[in-house]
Amino acid sequence: MAYFAKIENDLVTQVISVSNYVCGEPTLRFPDTCAAGRAYIANILKIEGVWKQTSYNSSFRGCYAGIGYSWNGTDFVAPVVEPE
């Protein structure tokens, strides 16, 4: 599976999975898989917004994005958790 994070105001608001087949794997590799996945999300799923591919294995874009993570224009950044 490939994973895509929806970015709104530099924050991740949603994460969805898309089939590797839809993203062109194994023929395509990142960043080409990102473009294919975004096209699928926009044209087939009809979900608007800014979507960035995130790596479950953290092999690109910093870390795997979760809801509430931030986007710095290059990488996803985990929120800072303050100790109690």
C-alpha atoms as a PDB file:
ATOM      1  CA  MET A   1       0.000   0.000   0.000  1.00  0.00           C
ATOM      2  CA  ALA A   2       0.970   3.603  -0.592  1.00  0.00           C
ATOM      3  CA  TYR A   3      -0.114   6.260   1.892  1.00  0.00           C
ATOM      4  CA  PHE A   4      -1.098   9.859   1.237  1.00  0.00           C
ATOM      5  CA  ALA A   5      -1.547  12.681   3.716  1.00  0.00           C
ATOM      6  CA  LYS A   6      -3.919  15.580   3.141  1.00  0.00           C
ATOM      7  CA  ILE A   7      -2.315  18.923   4.038  1.00  0.00           C
ATOM      8  CA  GLU A   8      -4.389  21.909   5.189  1.00  0.00           C
ATOM      9  CA  ASN A   9      -2.670  25.007   6.584  1.00  0.00           C
ATOM     10  CA  ASP A  10       0.580  22.994   6.860  1.00  0.00           C
ATOM     11  CA  LEU A  11      -1.101  20.334   9.043  1.00  0.00           C
ATOM     12  CA  VAL A  12      -2.031  16.745   8.204  1.00  0.00           C
ATOM     13  CA  THR A  13      -5.795  16.361   8.486  1.00  0.00           C
ATOM     14  CA  GLN A  14      -6.295  12.954   6.871  1.00  0.00           C
ATOM     15  CA  VAL A  15      -4.237   9.926   5.795  1.00  0.00           C
ATOM     16  CA  ILE A  16      -5.498   7.409   3.247  1.00  0.00           C
ATOM     17  CA  SER A  17      -4.091   4.307   1.588  1.00  0.00           C
ATOM     18  CA  VAL A  18      -3.935   3.745  -2.148  1.00  0.00           C
ATOM     19  CA  SER A  19      -3.062   0.505  -3.889  1.00  0.00           C
ATOM     20  CA  ASN A  20       0.530   0.163  -5.059  1.00  0.00           C
ATOM     21  CA  TYR A  21      -0.884  -0.892  -8.420  1.00  0.00           C
ATOM     22  CA  VAL A  22      -2.706   2.452  -8.748  1.00  0.00           C
ATOM     23  CA  CYS A  23       0.561   4.273  -7.984  1.00  0.00           C
ATOM     24  CA  GLY A  24       2.401   2.416 -10.739  1.00  0.00           C
ATOM     25  CA  GLU A  25       4.526   0.129  -8.595  1.00  0.00           C
ATOM     26  CA  PRO A  26       6.698  -1.801  -9.221  1.00  0.00           C
ATOM     27  CA  THR A  27       7.473   0.086 -12.437  1.00  0.00           C
ATOM     28  CA  LEU A  28       7.397   3.567 -10.901  1.00  0.00           C
ATOM     29  CA  ARG A  29       9.309   4.737  -7.836  1.00  0.00           C
ATOM     30  CA  PHE A  30       8.955   7.782  -5.615  1.00  0.00           C
ATOM     31  CA  PRO A  31       8.456  10.638  -6.578  1.00  0.00           C
ATOM     32  CA  ASP A  32       6.630   9.335  -9.665  1.00  0.00           C
ATOM     33  CA  THR A  33       4.365   7.213  -7.464  1.00  0.00           C
ATOM     34  CA  CYS A  34       3.312  10.403  -5.679  1.00  0.00           C
ATOM     35  CA  ALA A  35       2.118  12.013  -8.898  1.00  0.00           C
ATOM     36  CA  ALA A  36       0.205   8.885  -9.918  1.00  0.00           C
ATOM     37  CA  GLY A  37      -1.427   8.613  -6.481  1.00  0.00           C
ATOM     38  CA  ARG A  38      -2.437  12.279  -6.425  1.00  0.00           C
ATOM     39  CA  ALA A  39      -4.013  11.922  -9.870  1.00  0.00           C
ATOM     40  CA  TYR A  40      -5.994   8.909  -8.646  1.00  0.00           C
ATOM     41  CA  ILE A  41      -7.174  10.771  -5.523  1.00  0.00           C
ATOM     42  CA  ALA A  42      -8.270  13.797  -7.570  1.00  0.00           C
ATOM     43  CA  ASN A  43      -9.706  12.128 -10.666  1.00  0.00           C
ATOM     44  CA  ILE A  44     -11.092   8.800  -9.451  1.00  0.00           C
ATOM     45  CA  LEU A  45     -11.807   9.296  -5.743  1.00  0.00           C
ATOM     46  CA  LYS A  46     -12.807  12.939  -6.369  1.00  0.00           C
ATOM     47  CA  ILE A  47     -11.237  14.123  -3.104  1.00  0.00           C
ATOM     48  CA  GLU A  48      -9.991  17.696  -3.288  1.00  0.00           C
ATOM     49  CA  GLY A  49      -7.025  19.121  -1.481  1.00  0.00           C
ATOM     50  CA  VAL A  50      -3.260  18.993  -1.304  1.00  0.00           C
ATOM     51  CA  TRP A  51      -1.993  15.429  -0.964  1.00  0.00           C
ATOM     52  CA  LYS A  52       1.579  14.285  -0.357  1.00  0.00           C
ATOM     53  CA  GLN A  53       2.783  10.707  -0.317  1.00  0.00           C
ATOM     54  CA  THR A  54       4.128   9.583   3.051  1.00  0.00           C
ATOM     55  CA  SER A  55       6.385   6.619   3.713  1.00  0.00           C
ATOM     56  CA  TYR A  56       5.298   4.011   6.241  1.00  0.00           C
ATOM     57  CA  ASN A  57       8.978   3.007   6.512  1.00  0.00           C
ATOM     58  CA  SER A  58      10.116   6.664   6.748  1.00  0.00           C
ATOM     59  CA  SER A  59      12.255   6.219   3.616  1.00  0.00           C
ATOM     60  CA  PHE A  60      11.310   9.688   2.347  1.00  0.00           C
ATOM     61  CA  ARG A  61       9.743  12.924   3.617  1.00  0.00           C
ATOM     62  CA  GLY A  62      11.106  12.658   7.146  1.00  0.00           C
ATOM     63  CA  CYS A  63       8.626  10.325   8.804  1.00  0.00           C
ATOM     64  CA  TYR A  64       5.292   8.635   8.324  1.00  0.00           C
ATOM     65  CA  ALA A  65       2.621  11.322   8.610  1.00  0.00           C
ATOM     66  CA  GLY A  66      -0.221  11.096  11.051  1.00  0.00           C
ATOM     67  CA  ILE A  67      -3.141  13.401  11.723  1.00  0.00           C
ATOM     68  CA  GLY A  68      -1.819  16.462  13.524  1.00  0.00           C
ATOM     69  CA  TYR A  69       1.673  16.223  12.056  1.00  0.00           C
ATOM     70  CA  SER A  70       2.981  19.323  10.324  1.00  0.00           C
ATOM     71  CA  TRP A  71       4.334  19.801   6.814  1.00  0.00           C
ATOM     72  CA  ASN A  72       7.369  22.068   6.475  1.00  0.00           C
ATOM     73  CA  GLY A  73       7.399  22.114   2.671  1.00  0.00           C
ATOM     74  CA  THR A  74       9.783  19.170   2.398  1.00  0.00           C
ATOM     75  CA  ASP A  75       9.133  16.765   5.266  1.00  0.00           C
ATOM     76  CA  PHE A  76       6.467  15.719   7.730  1.00  0.00           C
ATOM     77  CA  VAL A  77       7.231  16.617  11.336  1.00  0.00           C
ATOM     78  CA  ALA A  78       5.762  14.852  14.363  1.00  0.00           C
ATOM     79  CA  PRO A  79       4.057  17.049  16.940  1.00  0.00           C
ATOM     80  CA  VAL A  80       5.997  17.788  20.098  1.00  0.00           C
ATOM     81  CA  VAL A  81       4.455  16.096  23.112  1.00  0.00           C
ATOM     82  CA  GLU A  82       4.943  18.026  26.319  1.00  0.00           C
ATOM     83  CA  PRO A  83       5.636  15.909  29.408  1.00  0.00           C
ATOM     84  CA  GLU A  84       2.987  16.081  32.101  1.00  0.00           C
END
